[in-house]
Protein backbone atom coordinates (compact mmCIF):
# COMPACT_ATOMS: atom_id res chain seq x y z
CA MET A 1 80.71 48.37 3.83
CA THR A 2 82.59 45.15 4.02
CA ILE A 3 86.16 45.41 2.45
CA PRO A 4 87.92 42.35 0.71
CA PRO A 5 90.90 40.80 3.14
CA VAL A 6 94.43 41.75 2.60
CA GLU A 7 97.27 39.26 1.85
CA SER A 8 100.57 41.02 2.59
CA TYR A 9 104.07 39.92 1.25
CA ASP A 10 107.79 41.27 1.92
CA GLU A 11 108.68 41.07 -1.61
CA ILE A 12 106.88 39.56 -4.80
CA ASP A 13 107.54 39.57 -8.62
CA SER A 14 104.48 41.60 -9.18
CA THR A 15 101.07 41.50 -7.29
CA ASN A 16 99.29 41.73 -10.80
CA ALA A 17 101.29 38.74 -11.82
CA GLU A 18 100.20 37.07 -8.65
CA ALA A 19 96.52 37.82 -9.03
CA ARG A 20 96.59 36.53 -12.72
CA ARG A 21 98.12 33.16 -11.33
CA ARG A 22 95.38 33.02 -8.78
CA ALA A 23 92.73 33.69 -11.34
CA GLU A 24 94.33 31.11 -13.86
CA ALA A 25 94.09 28.43 -10.99
CA GLY A 26 90.47 29.02 -10.47
CA GLU A 27 90.73 31.56 -7.54
CA THR A 28 88.15 34.63 -7.72
CA GLY A 29 88.62 36.58 -4.29
CA PRO A 30 87.77 39.25 -3.86
CA VAL A 31 91.26 39.66 -2.18
CA TRP A 32 93.84 42.49 -2.07
CA ILE A 33 97.47 41.20 -2.65
CA THR A 34 99.98 43.95 -1.41
CA ALA A 35 103.79 43.92 -1.13
CA LEU A 36 106.53 45.99 0.00
CA THR A 37 108.49 45.39 -2.59
CA GLN A 38 108.09 44.40 -6.40
CA THR A 39 110.78 42.76 -8.34
CA ALA A 40 109.08 42.84 -11.76
CA GLY A 41 106.51 45.55 -11.28
CA ARG A 42 104.81 46.54 -14.77
CA GLY A 43 102.58 49.54 -16.10
CA ARG A 44 100.44 50.19 -18.65
CA ARG A 45 101.74 49.15 -22.26
CA GLY A 46 104.91 47.22 -20.89
CA ARG A 47 106.11 49.84 -18.77
CA ASP A 48 108.26 48.95 -15.83
CA TRP A 49 106.87 50.07 -12.55
CA GLN A 50 109.40 50.75 -9.58
CA THR A 51 108.29 49.73 -6.11
CA LYS A 52 110.51 51.15 -3.38
CA VAL A 53 110.29 50.45 0.31
CA GLY A 54 107.77 52.77 1.58
CA ASN A 55 105.50 52.85 -1.49
CA LEU A 56 102.33 51.36 -2.22
CA ALA A 57 101.87 47.94 -4.36
CA ALA A 58 98.47 46.62 -4.00
CA THR A 59 96.20 44.41 -6.52
CA LEU A 60 92.64 43.56 -5.99
CA LEU A 61 91.44 40.45 -7.59
CA PHE A 62 87.59 40.11 -7.94
CA THR A 63 84.75 39.08 -10.38
CA THR A 64 82.10 41.00 -12.46
CA ASP A 65 79.33 39.90 -14.27
CA LYS A 66 79.63 42.74 -16.28
CA PRO A 67 80.61 42.30 -20.29
CA ALA A 68 84.04 42.79 -21.11
CA GLY A 69 83.66 46.14 -22.48
CA GLU A 70 81.93 47.35 -19.46
CA ALA A 71 84.26 45.57 -17.05
CA ALA A 72 87.23 47.87 -18.52
CA GLN A 73 85.56 51.07 -16.98
CA ILE A 74 86.95 49.57 -13.79
CA SER A 75 90.23 51.52 -14.58
CA PHE A 76 88.01 54.72 -13.71
CA VAL A 77 86.85 53.10 -10.19
CA ALA A 78 90.53 52.70 -9.67
CA ALA A 79 91.47 56.36 -10.36
CA LEU A 80 88.98 57.88 -8.45
CA ALA A 81 89.59 55.63 -5.07
CA ALA A 82 93.02 56.82 -5.72
CA ALA A 83 92.30 60.40 -5.69
CA ASP A 84 90.12 59.93 -2.59
CA LEU A 85 93.39 58.50 -1.16
CA ALA A 86 95.41 61.59 -2.13
CA GLU A 87 92.85 64.24 -1.20
CA THR A 88 92.47 62.62 2.23
CA CYS A 89 96.62 62.55 2.80
CA LEU A 90 96.75 66.24 0.65
CA GLY A 91 93.77 67.94 1.01
CA PRO A 92 91.09 68.82 -1.33
CA GLY A 93 92.13 70.06 -4.98
CA ALA A 94 95.25 68.15 -4.75
CA ALA A 95 94.48 65.20 -6.95
CA THR A 96 93.51 65.18 -10.68
CA VAL A 97 92.73 62.11 -13.30
CA LYS A 98 94.30 62.19 -16.39
CA TRP A 99 92.70 60.08 -19.11
CA PRO A 100 92.53 57.13 -19.20
CA ASN A 101 93.59 55.98 -15.50
CA ASP A 102 96.38 58.69 -14.55
CA LEU A 103 96.54 60.07 -11.03
CA LEU A 104 98.29 63.59 -10.75
CA VAL A 105 99.36 65.28 -7.59
CA HIS A 106 99.70 68.90 -8.26
CA GLY A 107 100.15 67.93 -12.17
CA ARG A 108 103.01 65.07 -11.71
CA LYS A 109 101.85 61.52 -11.48
CA ALA A 110 101.83 60.01 -8.53
CA VAL A 111 100.09 56.63 -8.89
CA GLY A 112 99.85 54.15 -11.78
CA ILE A 113 97.05 51.72 -12.39
CA LEU A 114 96.95 48.35 -14.18
CA VAL A 115 93.95 46.29 -14.88
CA GLU A 116 94.41 42.77 -16.65
CA SER A 117 91.23 40.07 -17.13
CA GLY A 118 90.23 36.99 -18.16
CA PRO A 119 87.24 34.85 -18.76
CA LEU A 120 86.06 32.29 -15.98
CA PRO A 121 83.88 28.95 -17.03
CA ASP A 122 80.64 30.26 -15.41
CA GLY A 123 80.81 33.31 -18.17
CA ARG A 124 81.94 35.79 -15.48
CA ILE A 125 85.11 37.92 -15.79
CA TRP A 126 88.08 38.07 -13.50
CA LEU A 127 89.59 41.58 -13.10
CA ALA A 128 93.06 42.33 -11.33
CA VAL A 129 93.28 46.00 -10.59
CA GLY A 130 96.95 47.17 -10.00
CA ILE A 131 97.49 50.28 -7.80
CA GLY A 132 100.75 51.74 -7.28
CA VAL A 133 101.38 54.87 -5.23
CA ASN A 134 104.40 56.80 -4.84
CA LEU A 135 103.83 57.48 -0.92
CA ALA A 136 107.64 58.02 -0.17
CA HIS A 137 109.57 57.89 -3.21
CA ALA A 138 108.89 59.14 -6.87
CA PRO A 139 111.17 57.68 -9.84
CA GLN A 140 113.40 60.06 -11.53
CA ASP A 141 114.45 58.38 -14.82
CA VAL A 142 110.70 58.34 -16.25
CA GLU A 143 109.09 59.43 -19.45
CA ARG A 144 107.06 62.34 -17.25
CA PRO A 145 107.63 63.86 -14.42
CA ALA A 146 106.33 61.71 -11.21
CA ALA A 147 105.78 63.15 -7.94
CA ALA A 148 105.14 61.49 -4.27
CA PHE A 149 103.08 62.18 -1.58
CA ALA A 150 105.71 63.10 0.92
CA GLU A 151 106.79 66.19 -1.38
CA PHE A 152 103.38 67.81 -0.11
CA MET A 153 103.35 66.94 3.30
CA GLN A 154 104.45 68.40 6.41
CA GLY A 155 104.96 64.72 8.39
CA PRO A 156 105.58 61.94 6.88
CA PRO A 157 103.60 59.97 4.28
CA PRO A 158 101.20 57.09 5.62
CA SER A 159 102.51 53.68 5.59
CA PRO A 160 101.49 51.41 2.82
CA ARG A 161 99.21 49.24 4.71
CA ALA A 162 97.37 52.51 6.35
CA ALA A 163 97.20 54.22 2.57
CA LEU A 164 95.74 50.76 1.26
CA ASP A 165 93.15 50.69 4.07
CA VAL A 166 91.88 53.95 2.90
CA LEU A 167 92.25 53.17 -0.81
CA ALA A 168 90.39 49.76 -0.23
CA GLN A 169 87.51 51.55 1.46
CA ALA A 170 87.43 54.21 -1.30
CA PHE A 171 87.39 51.55 -3.96
CA GLU A 172 84.79 49.64 -2.36
CA ARG A 173 82.39 52.90 -2.71
CA TRP A 174 83.02 53.63 -5.93
CA ARG A 175 82.84 49.72 -7.04
CA VAL A 176 79.41 49.55 -5.43
CA ALA A 177 78.28 52.48 -7.17
CA TRP A 178 79.46 51.29 -10.53
CA GLU A 179 77.90 47.73 -9.88
CA GLN A 180 74.34 49.22 -8.99
CA ASP A 181 74.20 52.04 -11.19
CA GLY A 182 76.50 51.98 -14.29
CA PHE A 183 79.05 54.18 -15.66
CA ALA A 184 77.24 57.61 -15.10
CA PRO A 185 78.04 57.93 -11.39
CA ILE A 186 82.12 57.36 -12.37
CA ALA A 187 81.95 59.13 -15.04
CA LYS A 188 80.75 62.26 -13.07
CA GLY A 189 82.90 61.73 -10.29
CA TRP A 190 86.01 61.73 -12.99
CA THR A 191 84.94 64.55 -14.74
CA ASP A 192 84.53 66.56 -11.98
CA ARG A 193 88.15 65.80 -11.02
CA ALA A 194 89.61 65.84 -14.81
CA HIS A 195 92.47 66.98 -16.03
CA GLY A 196 92.88 68.96 -19.27
CA LEU A 197 89.15 68.85 -20.39
CA GLY A 198 88.74 71.98 -22.98
CA GLN A 199 92.40 72.21 -23.59
CA PRO A 200 94.33 70.74 -27.00
CA CYS A 201 96.03 67.52 -26.59
CA GLU A 202 97.93 64.73 -28.45
CA ALA A 203 96.61 61.34 -28.66
CA ARG A 204 99.13 58.71 -29.10
CA LEU A 205 97.97 56.03 -30.50
CA PRO A 206 99.53 52.49 -31.07
CA ASN A 207 99.55 53.46 -34.73
CA GLN A 208 99.02 57.01 -35.36
CA THR A 209 98.52 60.09 -33.32
CA HIS A 210 96.10 62.71 -33.62
CA ARG A 211 95.81 66.10 -32.02
CA GLY A 212 92.70 68.19 -30.90
CA VAL A 213 90.99 69.34 -28.01
CA ALA A 214 89.61 67.05 -25.11
CA GLU A 215 86.10 67.19 -24.75
CA GLY A 216 85.26 64.70 -22.50
CA LEU A 217 84.03 61.00 -21.92
CA ASP A 218 81.68 59.18 -23.69
CA ALA A 219 78.92 56.98 -22.07
CA ASP A 220 81.18 54.01 -22.31
CA GLY A 221 84.39 55.83 -20.85
CA ALA A 222 86.06 56.75 -24.22
CA LEU A 223 87.24 60.15 -24.84
CA ARG A 224 86.03 62.39 -27.22
CA LEU A 225 89.03 64.26 -29.28
CA ARG A 226 87.37 67.21 -31.26
CA LEU A 227 89.97 67.68 -34.31
CA ASP A 228 90.88 70.74 -36.17
CA ASP A 229 88.10 70.20 -39.00
CA GLY A 230 85.52 69.58 -36.68
CA ALA A 231 85.01 65.96 -36.75
CA VAL A 232 84.99 63.98 -32.90
CA LEU A 233 87.25 61.33 -32.69
CA ARG A 234 86.52 58.67 -29.97
CA ILE A 235 89.82 57.45 -28.21
CA THR A 236 89.69 54.32 -26.46
CA ALA A 237 93.06 53.18 -26.04
CA GLY A 238 96.37 55.07 -26.07
CA ASP A 239 97.70 57.99 -24.16
CA VAL A 240 97.11 61.72 -24.28
CA PHE A 241 99.57 64.59 -23.53
CA PHE A 242 98.40 68.18 -22.41
CA GLY A 243 101.43 70.31 -23.04
CA GLU A 244 103.92 67.55 -22.39
CA ALA A 245 107.02 66.25 -24.33
C-alpha cells in the first residue's frame, strides 16, 4: 500500500492552513504536512489547538470524487486511524471514539481532528484532514479532560514522525475501504469502538441543546439521538457530552 509523501517543518502557523494555501493555489496532493510546533494551531469550531514539542501535528491534503455530503465522512476515517495509532502504542481497548470525531484514551481526549475542504475546477473536492495527537504532553487549561499517550506508557512515547508513519498507514487502509466500499465499513469500525452508545447524553448544537440517548450512526454518519418523547433526532453538527460538564 502506497503512503503519500511527508513534508516536514520545524515550525509552521498551522498544518491545515498550509494545506489550504496549497489547495487554493492549485496543489491537490496527496501529501502529508507535519510540523514540530504550530504557532496558530486550530481545532473544531475555531478553538485553539496547542502543539508542544513531542506531540504530533499533521495534515493530509488530497482529493476525492465523492460529493460534499459524503466527503465529510472522512472525519470518521481519521478517527479510526487515530484509534489504530493509540492501540498500537497503548494496547487493545485503550481508545474509544466519540461522535463526531474525538479520540479518547482511557476516557480523556488525546486527539483532535479538523477537516476542511473546498471545490476544484474539475468538480472534485480537496480535503485537508488535520490530526493532532497528544503523544508527550496534554493541555491543562481545556474545556474537557485531556490525556497524553505518555501517561499510559512505561517507556517514552513514539516520536512524532514515528507516530505519523503508523497513522498514515492506518489512514490509508481506512481511506481505501471508504473509497471502494462506502461508509458501511467505516460505520462498523466506528461503532465497534464507540464511546457512549446507549447512554444519556447532551447534544449542544449551534442554537439549541437537546438531551436524549445516543443510539448510533445513520447511514451518512449523523448521530441518532432518541429523545424523551420517543422521537429520533438526527445530529449532523455540534458537540455531544456524556456525563461531562
